[in-house]
């Protein structure tokens, strides 16, 4: 089961993809799976599990390129687009915007 931190971090990552034109060619399910993948790596959990494979219908190898694209877009994003970071910096959302996302894959 996902803990609260993984859920909040996944939502933060996924909300950030909404502002990126470059990520539009990915399916919403691919973006969601990649957000979960990045979140699990960031909090030190196993990246992908048989349960995620069953329900997401994507294997880890299919999600890694999407996750890399999301992180590349996040790193290249304009400093003017701060609404998502501001929202997820609040305690209500677990202050997950301050979390350093792992990109070692």
C-alpha atoms as a PDB file:
ATOM      1  CA  UNK A   1       0.000   0.000   0.000  1.00  0.00           C
ATOM      2  CA  UNK A   2       1.126   3.532  -0.683  1.00  0.00           C
ATOM      3  CA  UNK A   3       1.740   5.687   2.326  1.00  0.00           C
ATOM      4  CA  UNK A   4       0.618   9.299   2.559  1.00  0.00           C
ATOM      5  CA  UNK A   5       4.023  10.673   1.516  1.00  0.00           C
ATOM      6  CA  UNK A   6       4.053   8.600  -1.694  1.00  0.00           C
ATOM      7  CA  UNK A   7       0.508   9.714  -2.540  1.00  0.00           C
ATOM      8  CA  UNK A   8       1.295  13.404  -1.926  1.00  0.00           C
ATOM      9  CA  UNK A   9       4.575  13.222  -3.821  1.00  0.00           C
ATOM     10  CA  UNK A  10       2.923  11.427  -6.759  1.00  0.00           C
ATOM     11  CA  UNK A  11       0.200  14.073  -6.918  1.00  0.00           C
ATOM     12  CA  UNK A  12       2.820  16.835  -6.828  1.00  0.00           C
ATOM     13  CA  UNK A  13       4.779  15.268  -9.705  1.00  0.00           C
ATOM     14  CA  UNK A  14       1.639  14.584 -11.711  1.00  0.00           C
ATOM     15  CA  UNK A  15       0.253  18.099 -11.198  1.00  0.00           C
ATOM     16  CA  UNK A  16       3.541  19.445 -12.530  1.00  0.00           C
ATOM     17  CA  UNK A  17       3.131  17.515 -15.776  1.00  0.00           C
ATOM     18  CA  UNK A  18      -0.053  19.434 -16.583  1.00  0.00           C
ATOM     19  CA  UNK A  19       2.015  22.522 -17.405  1.00  0.00           C
ATOM     20  CA  UNK A  20       4.284  20.783 -19.881  1.00  0.00           C
ATOM     21  CA  UNK A  21       3.513  20.719 -23.580  1.00  0.00           C
ATOM     22  CA  UNK A  22       6.397  18.300 -24.162  1.00  0.00           C
ATOM     23  CA  UNK A  23       4.703  15.583 -22.080  1.00  0.00           C
ATOM     24  CA  UNK A  24       1.385  15.657 -23.945  1.00  0.00           C
ATOM     25  CA  UNK A  25       2.278  12.697 -26.149  1.00  0.00           C
ATOM     26  CA  UNK A  26       2.313  10.373 -23.121  1.00  0.00           C
ATOM     27  CA  UNK A  27      -0.876   8.708 -21.970  1.00  0.00           C
ATOM     28  CA  UNK A  28      -2.273   9.910 -18.627  1.00  0.00           C
ATOM     29  CA  UNK A  29      -1.798   6.381 -17.271  1.00  0.00           C
ATOM     30  CA  UNK A  30       1.887   6.463 -18.263  1.00  0.00           C
ATOM     31  CA  UNK A  31       2.375   9.807 -16.509  1.00  0.00           C
ATOM     32  CA  UNK A  32       0.601   8.542 -13.394  1.00  0.00           C
ATOM     33  CA  UNK A  33       2.659   5.345 -13.339  1.00  0.00           C
ATOM     34  CA  UNK A  34       5.880   7.337 -13.777  1.00  0.00           C
ATOM     35  CA  UNK A  35       4.878   9.694 -10.947  1.00  0.00           C
ATOM     36  CA  UNK A  36       4.370   6.693  -8.656  1.00  0.00           C
ATOM     37  CA  UNK A  37       7.690   5.230  -9.814  1.00  0.00           C
ATOM     38  CA  UNK A  38       9.585   8.476  -9.054  1.00  0.00           C
ATOM     39  CA  UNK A  39       7.839   8.836  -5.690  1.00  0.00           C
ATOM     40  CA  UNK A  40       8.637   5.300  -4.608  1.00  0.00           C
ATOM     41  CA  UNK A  41      12.311   5.745  -5.581  1.00  0.00           C
ATOM     42  CA  UNK A  42      12.458   9.055  -3.720  1.00  0.00           C
ATOM     43  CA  UNK A  43      11.157   7.645  -0.423  1.00  0.00           C
ATOM     44  CA  UNK A  44      13.377   4.562  -0.679  1.00  0.00           C
ATOM     45  CA  UNK A  45      10.716   1.997  -1.518  1.00  0.00           C
ATOM     46  CA  UNK A  46      11.006  -0.715  -4.155  1.00  0.00           C
ATOM     47  CA  UNK A  47      10.569   1.066  -7.500  1.00  0.00           C
ATOM     48  CA  UNK A  48       8.013  -1.250  -9.025  1.00  0.00           C
ATOM     49  CA  UNK A  49       6.166  -4.238  -7.651  1.00  0.00           C
ATOM     50  CA  UNK A  50       4.129  -7.137  -9.010  1.00  0.00           C
ATOM     51  CA  UNK A  51       1.014  -5.362  -7.696  1.00  0.00           C
ATOM     52  CA  UNK A  52       1.826  -2.202  -9.647  1.00  0.00           C
ATOM     53  CA  UNK A  53       2.547  -4.298 -12.731  1.00  0.00           C
ATOM     54  CA  UNK A  54      -0.829  -5.991 -12.374  1.00  0.00           C
ATOM     55  CA  UNK A  55      -2.903  -2.828 -11.885  1.00  0.00           C
ATOM     56  CA  UNK A  56      -0.963  -0.313 -13.992  1.00  0.00           C
ATOM     57  CA  UNK A  57      -0.299  -2.836 -16.760  1.00  0.00           C
ATOM     58  CA  UNK A  58       3.161  -1.328 -17.341  1.00  0.00           C
ATOM     59  CA  UNK A  59       6.496  -2.908 -16.556  1.00  0.00           C
ATOM     60  CA  UNK A  60       9.312  -0.899 -15.018  1.00  0.00           C
ATOM     61  CA  UNK A  61      11.227  -0.763 -18.311  1.00  0.00           C
ATOM     62  CA  UNK A  62       8.265   0.956 -20.003  1.00  0.00           C
ATOM     63  CA  UNK A  63       7.951   3.564 -17.254  1.00  0.00           C
ATOM     64  CA  UNK A  64      11.605   4.579 -16.879  1.00  0.00           C
ATOM     65  CA  UNK A  65      11.741   6.681 -20.102  1.00  0.00           C
ATOM     66  CA  UNK A  66       8.543   8.494 -19.073  1.00  0.00           C
ATOM     67  CA  UNK A  67       9.939   9.139 -15.596  1.00  0.00           C
ATOM     68  CA  UNK A  68      13.144  10.518 -17.114  1.00  0.00           C
ATOM     69  CA  UNK A  69      11.120  12.821 -19.386  1.00  0.00           C
ATOM     70  CA  UNK A  70       9.092  14.099 -16.421  1.00  0.00           C
ATOM     71  CA  UNK A  71      12.218  14.863 -14.394  1.00  0.00           C
ATOM     72  CA  UNK A  72      13.892  16.529 -17.392  1.00  0.00           C
ATOM     73  CA  UNK A  73      10.838  18.763 -17.877  1.00  0.00           C
ATOM     74  CA  UNK A  74      10.702  19.541 -14.169  1.00  0.00           C
ATOM     75  CA  UNK A  75      14.364  20.567 -14.164  1.00  0.00           C
ATOM     76  CA  UNK A  76      13.883  22.716 -17.288  1.00  0.00           C
ATOM     77  CA  UNK A  77      10.639  24.357 -16.139  1.00  0.00           C
ATOM     78  CA  UNK A  78      10.398  28.109 -15.923  1.00  0.00           C
ATOM     79  CA  UNK A  79      10.677  29.779 -12.554  1.00  0.00           C
ATOM     80  CA  UNK A  80       7.511  31.697 -13.472  1.00  0.00           C
ATOM     81  CA  UNK A  81       5.416  28.531 -13.144  1.00  0.00           C
ATOM     82  CA  UNK A  82       5.452  28.259  -9.361  1.00  0.00           C
ATOM     83  CA  UNK A  83       1.794  27.584  -8.508  1.00  0.00           C
ATOM     84  CA  UNK A  84       2.262  23.818  -8.153  1.00  0.00           C
ATOM     85  CA  UNK A  85       5.405  24.206  -6.038  1.00  0.00           C
ATOM     86  CA  UNK A  86       3.705  26.791  -3.848  1.00  0.00           C
ATOM     87  CA  UNK A  87       0.659  24.551  -3.348  1.00  0.00           C
ATOM     88  CA  UNK A  88       2.727  21.493  -2.409  1.00  0.00           C
ATOM     89  CA  UNK A  89       5.060  23.501  -0.147  1.00  0.00           C
ATOM     90  CA  UNK A  90       2.239  23.910   2.357  1.00  0.00           C
ATOM     91  CA  UNK A  91       1.861  21.606   5.354  1.00  0.00           C
ATOM     92  CA  UNK A  92      -1.582  20.608   4.089  1.00  0.00           C
ATOM     93  CA  UNK A  93       0.132  18.740   1.241  1.00  0.00           C
ATOM     94  CA  UNK A  94       2.988  17.410   3.351  1.00  0.00           C
ATOM     95  CA  UNK A  95       5.489  20.032   2.131  1.00  0.00           C
ATOM     96  CA  UNK A  96       6.523  17.555  -0.567  1.00  0.00           C
ATOM     97  CA  UNK A  97       7.642  20.303  -2.959  1.00  0.00           C
ATOM     98  CA  UNK A  98      10.765  20.619  -0.793  1.00  0.00           C
ATOM     99  CA  UNK A  99      11.658  16.954  -1.376  1.00  0.00           C
ATOM    100  CA  UNK A 100      14.633  16.210  -3.621  1.00  0.00           C
ATOM    101  CA  UNK A 101      13.428  13.808  -6.326  1.00  0.00           C
ATOM    102  CA  UNK A 102      15.709  10.863  -7.071  1.00  0.00           C
ATOM    103  CA  UNK A 103      16.735  10.483 -10.699  1.00  0.00           C
ATOM    104  CA  UNK A 104      19.249   7.648 -10.416  1.00  0.00           C
ATOM    105  CA  UNK A 105      17.624   5.366 -12.961  1.00  0.00           C
END
